[in-house]
Amino acid sequence: MVTPRPSRHPYFIAQRRLQPAYRLLLRLALAGLNIGIDGGPARSGERAALRAVLPDANRQYRVLDVGANVGNYAAEVLNITNRNARIDCFEPSAAAYAQLTTRFAGVPNVTTHHFGIGDKEASIPLYSDAPGSPLSSTFPRQLGYIGVSMERQETVRLRRLDMVCAELGIDGIDLLKLDVEGAELSALLGAGELLESGAIRTIQFEFGGCNIDSRTFFRDFWELLIPKYRMFRIVYDGLAPINRYAEQLEQFVTTNYVAVWR
């Protein structure tokens, strides 16, 4: 009996024919988990997540928007809280910061800060594809495979969150939002005792392709936060709990997570 070569075996022929269907099923499954869904607050689920973590529109929540860019997230927070929240926006990019300050000029409960947040006090390069780009990162991301060049550079200032909060007299944070293109773990490490003491009640952070460039894994966030926080994935209509770590969580496409103090 002659056994067909693998390339001609009926099993492998069927597998090749089914590949497009399998890829579609994978895309649908990931989308159902809100993995890889980017865009505005409604489409990404961030609007529903904000309503879940900031439920009282009449309360003056303290929100820190780290990686504010031009202020879209801060504007959403103001909308959800009937403009009652006190928001500190941190943005190191000069071009983005100029738009941010213009946008919130005359809004007394929004304060802007022209520096980024990290695990140390430093001046480092910020790489981008265009002035004020939301892709700007402190890591020289390799995005040639999607036709994006991160060759632009500017020198920006980074500060530790614990030192900044001490200077500003902030001893309680209702929501810390982190969208710093791969540097989210460094920003958390710079929070120091704020994380250990429960001074930060809720953390929203982004995880995705940037973490390939920063060489950080979801497990790093899990091990840092899970002793004191419960972890959730932001889905279209709110928050879905993550009760245990699994390797399948290492999906390097845009996904937003929330950690809530236990």
C-alpha atoms as a PDB file:
ATOM      1  CA  MET A   1       0.000   0.000   0.000  1.00  0.00           C
ATOM      2  CA  VAL A   2       1.348   3.391  -0.996  1.00  0.00           C
ATOM      3  CA  THR A   3       0.671   6.219   1.458  1.00  0.00           C
ATOM      4  CA  PRO A   4      -0.039   9.549  -0.251  1.00  0.00           C
ATOM      5  CA  ARG A   5       2.482  12.280   0.336  1.00  0.00           C
ATOM      6  CA  PRO A   6       1.286  14.831   2.964  1.00  0.00           C
ATOM      7  CA  SER A   7       0.704  17.491   0.331  1.00  0.00           C
ATOM      8  CA  ARG A   8      -1.634  15.110  -1.533  1.00  0.00           C
ATOM      9  CA  HIS A   9      -3.264  13.412   1.433  1.00  0.00           C
ATOM     10  CA  PRO A  10      -7.039  14.110   1.595  1.00  0.00           C
ATOM     11  CA  TYR A  11      -6.698  15.443   5.171  1.00  0.00           C
ATOM     12  CA  PHE A  12      -4.161  18.096   4.196  1.00  0.00           C
ATOM     13  CA  ILE A  13      -6.067  18.998   1.052  1.00  0.00           C
ATOM     14  CA  ALA A  14      -9.183  19.592   3.176  1.00  0.00           C
ATOM     15  CA  GLN A  15      -7.191  21.641   5.669  1.00  0.00           C
ATOM     16  CA  ARG A  16      -5.878  23.925   2.922  1.00  0.00           C
ATOM     17  CA  ARG A  17      -9.362  24.425   1.553  1.00  0.00           C
ATOM     18  CA  LEU A  18     -10.707  25.283   4.995  1.00  0.00           C
ATOM     19  CA  GLN A  19      -7.989  27.825   5.850  1.00  0.00           C
ATOM     20  CA  PRO A  20     -10.027  30.892   4.768  1.00  0.00           C
ATOM     21  CA  ALA A  21     -12.964  29.712   6.881  1.00  0.00           C
ATOM     22  CA  TYR A  22     -10.721  29.082   9.887  1.00  0.00           C
ATOM     23  CA  ARG A  23      -9.204  32.556   9.564  1.00  0.00           C
ATOM     24  CA  LEU A  24     -12.672  34.093   9.442  1.00  0.00           C
ATOM     25  CA  LEU A  25     -13.744  32.118  12.515  1.00  0.00           C
ATOM     26  CA  LEU A  26     -10.653  33.301  14.378  1.00  0.00           C
ATOM     27  CA  ARG A  27     -11.368  36.930  13.495  1.00  0.00           C
ATOM     28  CA  LEU A  28     -14.976  36.550  14.613  1.00  0.00           C
ATOM     29  CA  ALA A  29     -13.968  34.888  17.891  1.00  0.00           C
ATOM     30  CA  LEU A  30     -11.426  37.597  18.714  1.00  0.00           C
ATOM     31  CA  ALA A  31     -13.875  40.354  17.786  1.00  0.00           C
ATOM     32  CA  GLY A  32     -16.450  38.753  20.077  1.00  0.00           C
ATOM     33  CA  LEU A  33     -13.953  39.054  22.912  1.00  0.00           C
ATOM     34  CA  ASN A  34     -13.292  42.687  21.861  1.00  0.00           C
ATOM     35  CA  ILE A  35      -9.706  41.804  20.959  1.00  0.00           C
ATOM     36  CA  GLY A  36      -8.417  43.944  18.123  1.00  0.00           C
ATOM     37  CA  ILE A  37     -11.413  46.311  18.137  1.00  0.00           C
ATOM     38  CA  ASP A  38     -10.057  49.844  17.917  1.00  0.00           C
ATOM     39  CA  GLY A  39     -11.790  53.128  17.274  1.00  0.00           C
ATOM     40  CA  GLY A  40     -14.008  55.529  19.181  1.00  0.00           C
ATOM     41  CA  PRO A  41     -15.232  55.022  22.762  1.00  0.00           C
ATOM     42  CA  ALA A  42     -18.567  53.524  21.694  1.00  0.00           C
ATOM     43  CA  ARG A  43     -17.066  51.005  19.276  1.00  0.00           C
ATOM     44  CA  SER A  44     -14.203  50.027  21.615  1.00  0.00           C
ATOM     45  CA  GLY A  45     -16.475  49.562  24.627  1.00  0.00           C
ATOM     46  CA  GLU A  46     -14.707  52.298  26.589  1.00  0.00           C
ATOM     47  CA  ARG A  47     -17.908  54.324  26.931  1.00  0.00           C
ATOM     48  CA  ALA A  48     -19.718  51.406  28.565  1.00  0.00           C
ATOM     49  CA  ALA A  49     -16.660  50.715  30.750  1.00  0.00           C
ATOM     50  CA  LEU A  50     -16.600  54.321  31.931  1.00  0.00           C
ATOM     51  CA  ARG A  51     -20.247  54.096  32.933  1.00  0.00           C
ATOM     52  CA  ALA A  52     -19.399  50.958  34.921  1.00  0.00           C
ATOM     53  CA  VAL A  53     -16.423  52.398  36.821  1.00  0.00           C
ATOM     54  CA  LEU A  54     -17.756  55.971  37.169  1.00  0.00           C
ATOM     55  CA  PRO A  55     -21.438  55.227  37.846  1.00  0.00           C
ATOM     56  CA  ASP A  56     -22.434  58.421  39.698  1.00  0.00           C
ATOM     57  CA  ALA A  57     -22.622  61.296  37.230  1.00  0.00           C
ATOM     58  CA  ASN A  58     -23.004  63.810  40.067  1.00  0.00           C
ATOM     59  CA  ARG A  59     -19.821  62.827  41.889  1.00  0.00           C
ATOM     60  CA  GLN A  60     -16.543  64.679  41.345  1.00  0.00           C
ATOM     61  CA  TYR A  61     -14.300  61.762  40.401  1.00  0.00           C
ATOM     62  CA  ARG A  62     -10.541  62.237  40.151  1.00  0.00           C
ATOM     63  CA  VAL A  63      -9.302  60.920  36.799  1.00  0.00           C
ATOM     64  CA  LEU A  64      -5.746  60.822  35.451  1.00  0.00           C
ATOM     65  CA  ASP A  65      -5.509  60.532  31.661  1.00  0.00           C
ATOM     66  CA  VAL A  66      -1.959  59.380  30.914  1.00  0.00           C
ATOM     67  CA  GLY A  67      -1.255  59.505  27.200  1.00  0.00           C
ATOM     68  CA  ALA A  68      -4.049  61.989  26.616  1.00  0.00           C
ATOM     69  CA  ASN A  69      -3.022  62.856  23.038  1.00  0.00           C
ATOM     70  CA  VAL A  70      -5.580  65.496  21.894  1.00  0.00           C
ATOM     71  CA  GLY A  71      -8.099  64.782  24.671  1.00  0.00           C
ATOM     72  CA  ASN A  72     -10.686  62.432  23.190  1.00  0.00           C
ATOM     73  CA  TYR A  73     -10.754  60.200  26.269  1.00  0.00           C
ATOM     74  CA  ALA A  74     -10.916  63.158  28.652  1.00  0.00           C
ATOM     75  CA  ALA A  75     -13.826  64.570  26.669  1.00  0.00           C
ATOM     76  CA  GLU A  76     -15.623  61.248  27.029  1.00  0.00           C
ATOM     77  CA  VAL A  77     -15.060  61.283  30.795  1.00  0.00           C
ATOM     78  CA  LEU A  78     -16.525  64.787  30.986  1.00  0.00           C
ATOM     79  CA  ASN A  79     -19.548  63.633  29.011  1.00  0.00           C
ATOM     80  CA  ILE A  80     -20.116  60.546  31.196  1.00  0.00           C
ATOM     81  CA  THR A  81     -19.806  62.543  34.437  1.00  0.00           C
ATOM     82  CA  ASN A  82     -21.826  65.597  33.379  1.00  0.00           C
ATOM     83  CA  ARG A  83     -18.545  67.579  33.402  1.00  0.00           C
ATOM     84  CA  ASN A  84     -18.114  66.983  37.136  1.00  0.00           C
ATOM     85  CA  ALA A  85     -14.893  64.950  37.009  1.00  0.00           C
ATOM     86  CA  ARG A  86     -11.541  66.517  37.828  1.00  0.00           C
ATOM     87  CA  ILE A  87      -9.149  65.373  35.125  1.00  0.00           C
ATOM     88  CA  ASP A  88      -5.371  65.660  34.894  1.00  0.00           C
ATOM     89  CA  CYS A  89      -4.140  65.031  31.335  1.00  0.00           C
ATOM     90  CA  PHE A  90      -0.525  64.043  30.665  1.00  0.00           C
ATOM     91  CA  GLU A  91       0.865  64.315  27.135  1.00  0.00           C
ATOM     92  CA  PRO A  92       4.568  64.542  26.151  1.00  0.00           C
ATOM     93  CA  SER A  93       4.176  65.253  22.405  1.00  0.00           C
ATOM     94  CA  ALA A  94       4.491  68.990  21.702  1.00  0.00           C
ATOM     95  CA  ALA A  95       2.046  68.956  18.780  1.00  0.00           C
ATOM     96  CA  ALA A  96      -0.567  66.876  20.587  1.00  0.00           C
ATOM     97  CA  TYR A  97      -0.166  68.923  23.760  1.00  0.00           C
ATOM     98  CA  ALA A  98      -0.810  72.158  21.840  1.00  0.00           C
ATOM     99  CA  GLN A  99      -4.144  70.771  20.607  1.00  0.00           C
ATOM    100  CA  LEU A 100      -4.941  69.396  24.063  1.00  0.00           C
ATOM    101  CA  THR A 101      -4.468  72.740  25.813  1.00  0.00           C
ATOM    102  CA  THR A 102      -6.489  74.565  23.154  1.00  0.00           C
ATOM    103  CA  ARG A 103      -9.318  72.071  23.448  1.00  0.00           C
ATOM    104  CA  PHE A 104      -9.676  72.443  27.213  1.00  0.00           C
ATOM    105  CA  ALA A 105      -8.872  76.122  27.554  1.00  0.00           C
ATOM    106  CA  GLY A 106     -11.471  77.574  29.870  1.00  0.00           C
ATOM    107  CA  VAL A 107     -12.482  74.186  31.327  1.00  0.00           C
ATOM    108  CA  PRO A 108     -11.514  74.689  34.981  1.00  0.00           C
ATOM    109  CA  ASN A 109     -11.661  71.039  36.058  1.00  0.00           C
ATOM    110  CA  VAL A 110      -9.259  69.833  33.335  1.00  0.00           C
ATOM    111  CA  THR A 111      -5.542  70.385  33.957  1.00  0.00           C
ATOM    112  CA  THR A 112      -2.934  69.592  31.319  1.00  0.00           C
ATOM    113  CA  HIS A 113       0.678  68.569  31.913  1.00  0.00           C
ATOM    114  CA  HIS A 114       3.346  68.600  29.216  1.00  0.00           C
ATOM    115  CA  PHE A 115       5.248  65.436  30.154  1.00  0.00           C
ATOM    116  CA  GLY A 116       4.800  61.686  30.124  1.00  0.00           C
ATOM    117  CA  ILE A 117       4.687  59.130  32.916  1.00  0.00           C
ATOM    118  CA  GLY A 118       7.267  56.370  33.380  1.00  0.00           C
ATOM    119  CA  ASP A 119       9.248  54.450  35.957  1.00  0.00           C
ATOM    120  CA  LYS A 120      11.927  57.140  36.300  1.00  0.00           C
ATOM    121  CA  GLU A 121      12.584  60.836  35.876  1.00  0.00           C
ATOM    122  CA  ALA A 122      14.230  61.175  32.460  1.00  0.00           C
ATOM    123  CA  SER A 123      14.399  62.925  29.115  1.00  0.00           C
ATOM    124  CA  ILE A 124      14.145  60.429  26.258  1.00  0.00           C
ATOM    125  CA  PRO A 125      13.224  60.288  22.556  1.00  0.00           C
ATOM    126  CA  LEU A 126       9.590  60.057  21.472  1.00  0.00           C
ATOM    127  CA  TYR A 127       9.205  58.389  18.084  1.00  0.00           C
ATOM    128  CA  SER A 128       6.295  59.090  15.747  1.00  0.00           C
ATOM    129  CA  ASP A 129       5.107  58.919  12.164  1.00  0.00           C
ATOM    130  CA  ALA A 130       3.701  62.463  12.231  1.00  0.00           C
ATOM    131  CA  PRO A 131       3.483  65.416  14.650  1.00  0.00           C
ATOM    132  CA  GLY A 132       0.992  64.648  17.416  1.00  0.00           C
ATOM    133  CA  SER A 133       0.343  61.136  16.129  1.00  0.00           C
ATOM    134  CA  PRO A 134      -1.597  58.784  18.448  1.00  0.00           C
ATOM    135  CA  LEU A 135       1.021  56.156  17.496  1.00  0.00           C
ATOM    136  CA  SER A 136       3.806  58.153  19.183  1.00  0.00           C
ATOM    137  CA  SER A 137       5.872  55.910  21.417  1.00  0.00           C
ATOM    138  CA  THR A 138       9.025  55.978  23.501  1.00  0.00           C
ATOM    139  CA  PHE A 139       9.949  52.763  21.671  1.00  0.00           C
ATOM    140  CA  PRO A 140      11.219  52.880  18.048  1.00  0.00           C
ATOM    141  CA  ARG A 141       8.387  50.707  16.770  1.00  0.00           C
ATOM    142  CA  GLN A 142       9.000  48.630  13.653  1.00  0.00           C
ATOM    143  CA  LEU A 143       5.847  49.199  11.582  1.00  0.00           C
ATOM    144  CA  GLY A 144       7.215  48.926   8.063  1.00  0.00           C
ATOM    145  CA  TYR A 145       5.017  45.890   7.447  1.00  0.00           C
ATOM    146  CA  ILE A 146       1.973  48.212   7.485  1.00  0.00           C
ATOM    147  CA  GLY A 147       3.735  51.018   5.639  1.00  0.00           C
ATOM    148  CA  VAL A 148       4.324  53.237   8.686  1.00  0.00           C
ATOM    149  CA  SER A 149       7.703  54.785   9.453  1.00  0.00           C
ATOM    150  CA  MET A 150       8.426  55.988  12.995  1.00  0.00           C
ATOM    151  CA  GLU A 151      11.458  58.076  12.031  1.00  0.00           C
ATOM    152  CA  ARG A 152      10.332  61.393  13.555  1.00  0.00           C
ATOM    153  CA  GLN A 153      11.885  62.109  16.957  1.00  0.00           C
ATOM    154  CA  GLU A 154      11.529  64.694  19.671  1.00  0.00           C
ATOM    155  CA  THR A 155      12.950  64.753  23.168  1.00  0.00           C
ATOM    156  CA  VAL A 156      10.304  64.508  25.865  1.00  0.00           C
ATOM    157  CA  ARG A 157      10.244  64.486  29.632  1.00  0.00           C
ATOM    158  CA  LEU A 158       9.092  61.530  31.731  1.00  0.00           C
ATOM    159  CA  ARG A 159       8.179  61.644  35.408  1.00  0.00           C
ATOM    160  CA  ARG A 160       7.187  59.095  38.047  1.00  0.00           C
ATOM    161  CA  LEU A 161       3.507  59.107  38.919  1.00  0.00           C
ATOM    162  CA  ASP A 162       4.091  58.852  42.661  1.00  0.00           C
ATOM    163  CA  MET A 163       6.281  61.979  42.625  1.00  0.00           C
ATOM    164  CA  VAL A 164       3.828  63.901  40.445  1.00  0.00           C
ATOM    165  CA  CYS A 165       0.875  63.032  42.695  1.00  0.00           C
ATOM    166  CA  ALA A 166       2.835  64.057  45.782  1.00  0.00           C
ATOM    167  CA  GLU A 167       3.598  67.450  44.225  1.00  0.00           C
ATOM    168  CA  LEU A 168      -0.021  67.961  43.101  1.00  0.00           C
ATOM    169  CA  GLY A 169      -1.476  66.842  46.428  1.00  0.00           C
ATOM    170  CA  ILE A 170      -3.358  63.935  44.818  1.00  0.00           C
ATOM    171  CA  ASP A 171      -3.855  61.206  47.420  1.00  0.00           C
ATOM    172  CA  GLY A 172      -6.729  59.357  45.762  1.00  0.00           C
ATOM    173  CA  ILE A 173      -7.350  58.427  42.114  1.00  0.00           C
ATOM    174  CA  ASP A 174     -10.712  57.055  41.020  1.00  0.00           C
ATOM    175  CA  LEU A 175      -9.502  56.158  37.528  1.00  0.00           C
ATOM    176  CA  LEU A 176      -6.011  55.981  36.058  1.00  0.00           C
ATOM    177  CA  LYS A 177      -6.152  55.570  32.274  1.00  0.00           C
ATOM    178  CA  LEU A 178      -2.953  54.461  30.515  1.00  0.00           C
ATOM    179  CA  ASP A 179      -2.544  54.607  26.744  1.00  0.00           C
ATOM    180  CA  VAL A 180       1.163  55.157  26.233  1.00  0.00           C
ATOM    181  CA  GLU A 181       1.957  52.875  23.312  1.00  0.00           C
ATOM    182  CA  GLY A 182       3.872  50.087  25.035  1.00  0.00           C
ATOM    183  CA  ALA A 183       5.055  51.949  28.145  1.00  0.00           C
ATOM    184  CA  GLU A 184       2.023  51.103  30.313  1.00  0.00           C
ATOM    185  CA  LEU A 185       3.951  48.708  32.544  1.00  0.00           C
ATOM    186  CA  SER A 186       6.675  51.305  33.149  1.00  0.00           C
ATOM    187  CA  ALA A 187       4.034  53.865  34.079  1.00  0.00           C
ATOM    188  CA  LEU A 188       2.552  51.454  36.628  1.00  0.00           C
ATOM    189  CA  LEU A 189       5.967  50.707  38.092  1.00  0.00           C
ATOM    190  CA  GLY A 190       6.404  54.456  38.567  1.00  0.00           C
ATOM    191  CA  ALA A 191       3.248  54.564  40.689  1.00  0.00           C
ATOM    192  CA  GLY A 192       5.085  52.936  43.603  1.00  0.00           C
ATOM    193  CA  GLU A 193       3.124  52.963  46.860  1.00  0.00           C
ATOM    194  CA  LEU A 194       0.034  54.318  45.132  1.00  0.00           C
ATOM    195  CA  LEU A 195      -0.554  50.802  43.791  1.00  0.00           C
ATOM    196  CA  GLU A 196       0.151  49.064  47.077  1.00  0.00           C
ATOM    197  CA  SER A 197      -2.030  51.323  49.216  1.00  0.00           C
ATOM    198  CA  GLY A 198      -5.201  51.311  47.143  1.00  0.00           C
ATOM    199  CA  ALA A 199      -4.882  55.007  46.345  1.00  0.00           C
ATOM    200  CA  ILE A 200      -5.642  54.061  42.721  1.00  0.00           C
ATOM    201  CA  ARG A 201      -9.118  52.522  42.719  1.00  0.00           C
ATOM    202  CA  THR A 202      -9.374  51.636  39.028  1.00  0.00           C
ATOM    203  CA  ILE A 203      -6.829  51.316  36.224  1.00  0.00           C
ATOM    204  CA  GLN A 204      -7.578  51.133  32.514  1.00  0.00           C
ATOM    205  CA  PHE A 205      -4.676  50.104  30.306  1.00  0.00           C
ATOM    206  CA  GLU A 206      -4.186  49.204  26.673  1.00  0.00           C
ATOM    207  CA  PHE A 207      -2.339  46.095  25.536  1.00  0.00           C
ATOM    208  CA  GLY A 208      -1.455  45.201  21.965  1.00  0.00           C
ATOM    209  CA  GLY A 209       1.126  45.427  19.217  1.00  0.00           C
ATOM    210  CA  CYS A 210       3.145  48.070  21.082  1.00  0.00           C
ATOM    211  CA  ASN A 211       3.955  45.469  23.709  1.00  0.00           C
ATOM    212  CA  ILE A 212       5.905  43.504  21.108  1.00  0.00           C
ATOM    213  CA  ASP A 213       8.208  46.506  20.761  1.00  0.00           C
ATOM    214  CA  SER A 214       8.442  47.073  24.526  1.00  0.00           C
ATOM    215  CA  ARG A 215       8.897  43.319  25.143  1.00  0.00           C
ATOM    216  CA  THR A 216       6.159  43.220  27.796  1.00  0.00           C
ATOM    217  CA  PHE A 217       3.530  40.540  28.249  1.00  0.00           C
ATOM    218  CA  PHE A 218       0.050  40.433  29.693  1.00  0.00           C
ATOM    219  CA  ARG A 219       1.476  38.174  32.386  1.00  0.00           C
ATOM    220  CA  ASP A 220       3.655  41.080  33.558  1.00  0.00           C
ATOM    221  CA  PHE A 221       0.520  43.138  34.219  1.00  0.00           C
ATOM    222  CA  TRP A 222      -1.231  40.169  35.785  1.00  0.00           C
ATOM    223  CA  GLU A 223       1.591  39.462  38.247  1.00  0.00           C
ATOM    224  CA  LEU A 224       1.920  43.117  39.179  1.00  0.00           C
ATOM    225  CA  LEU A 225      -1.777  43.843  39.685  1.00  0.00           C
ATOM    226  CA  ILE A 226      -3.612  40.671  40.585  1.00  0.00           C
ATOM    227  CA  PRO A 227      -2.529  40.515  44.261  1.00  0.00           C
ATOM    228  CA  LYS A 228      -4.505  43.727  44.922  1.00  0.00           C
ATOM    229  CA  TYR A 229      -6.788  44.133  41.894  1.00  0.00           C
ATOM    230  CA  ARG A 230      -9.431  42.176  39.995  1.00  0.00           C
ATOM    231  CA  MET A 231      -8.904  42.079  36.227  1.00  0.00           C
ATOM    232  CA  PHE A 232     -11.492  42.660  33.502  1.00  0.00           C
ATOM    233  CA  ARG A 233     -11.469  42.886  29.730  1.00  0.00           C
ATOM    234  CA  ILE A 234     -13.404  45.797  28.233  1.00  0.00           C
ATOM    235  CA  VAL A 235     -16.043  44.383  25.898  1.00  0.00           C
ATOM    236  CA  TYR A 236     -18.634  46.148  23.780  1.00  0.00           C
ATOM    237  CA  ASP A 237     -21.204  46.485  26.558  1.00  0.00           C
ATOM    238  CA  GLY A 238     -19.025  46.785  29.669  1.00  0.00           C
ATOM    239  CA  LEU A 239     -16.573  44.617  31.602  1.00  0.00           C
ATOM    240  CA  ALA A 240     -15.940  40.867  31.424  1.00  0.00           C
ATOM    241  CA  PRO A 241     -14.017  39.343  34.376  1.00  0.00           C
ATOM    242  CA  ILE A 242     -10.764  37.456  33.873  1.00  0.00           C
ATOM    243  CA  ASN A 243     -10.511  35.003  36.744  1.00  0.00           C
ATOM    244  CA  ARG A 244      -7.246  33.272  35.903  1.00  0.00           C
ATOM    245  CA  TYR A 245      -4.213  33.798  33.734  1.00  0.00           C
ATOM    246  CA  ALA A 246      -3.882  31.803  30.509  1.00  0.00           C
ATOM    247  CA  GLU A 247      -1.415  31.993  27.643  1.00  0.00           C
ATOM    248  CA  GLN A 248      -4.301  32.781  25.286  1.00  0.00           C
ATOM    249  CA  LEU A 249      -4.401  36.234  26.874  1.00  0.00           C
ATOM    250  CA  GLU A 250      -1.157  37.094  25.095  1.00  0.00           C
ATOM    251  CA  GLN A 251      -2.917  38.597  22.077  1.00  0.00           C
ATOM    252  CA  PHE A 252      -0.784  41.374  20.624  1.00  0.00           C
ATOM    253  CA  VAL A 253      -3.601  43.329  19.014  1.00  0.00           C
ATOM    254  CA  THR A 254      -5.322  46.315  20.589  1.00  0.00           C
ATOM    255  CA  THR A 255      -7.271  45.298  23.687  1.00  0.00           C
ATOM    256  CA  ASN A 256      -8.296  47.392  26.689  1.00  0.00           C
ATOM    257  CA  TYR A 257      -8.321  46.049  30.230  1.00  0.00           C
ATOM    258  CA  VAL A 258      -9.532  47.339  33.577  1.00  0.00           C
ATOM    259  CA  ALA A 259      -8.104  46.500  36.994  1.00  0.00           C
ATOM    260  CA  VAL A 260     -10.345  47.263  39.998  1.00  0.00           C
ATOM    261  CA  TRP A 261      -9.129  47.399  43.592  1.00  0.00           C
ATOM    262  CA  ARG A 262     -10.404  44.349  45.501  1.00  0.00           C
END
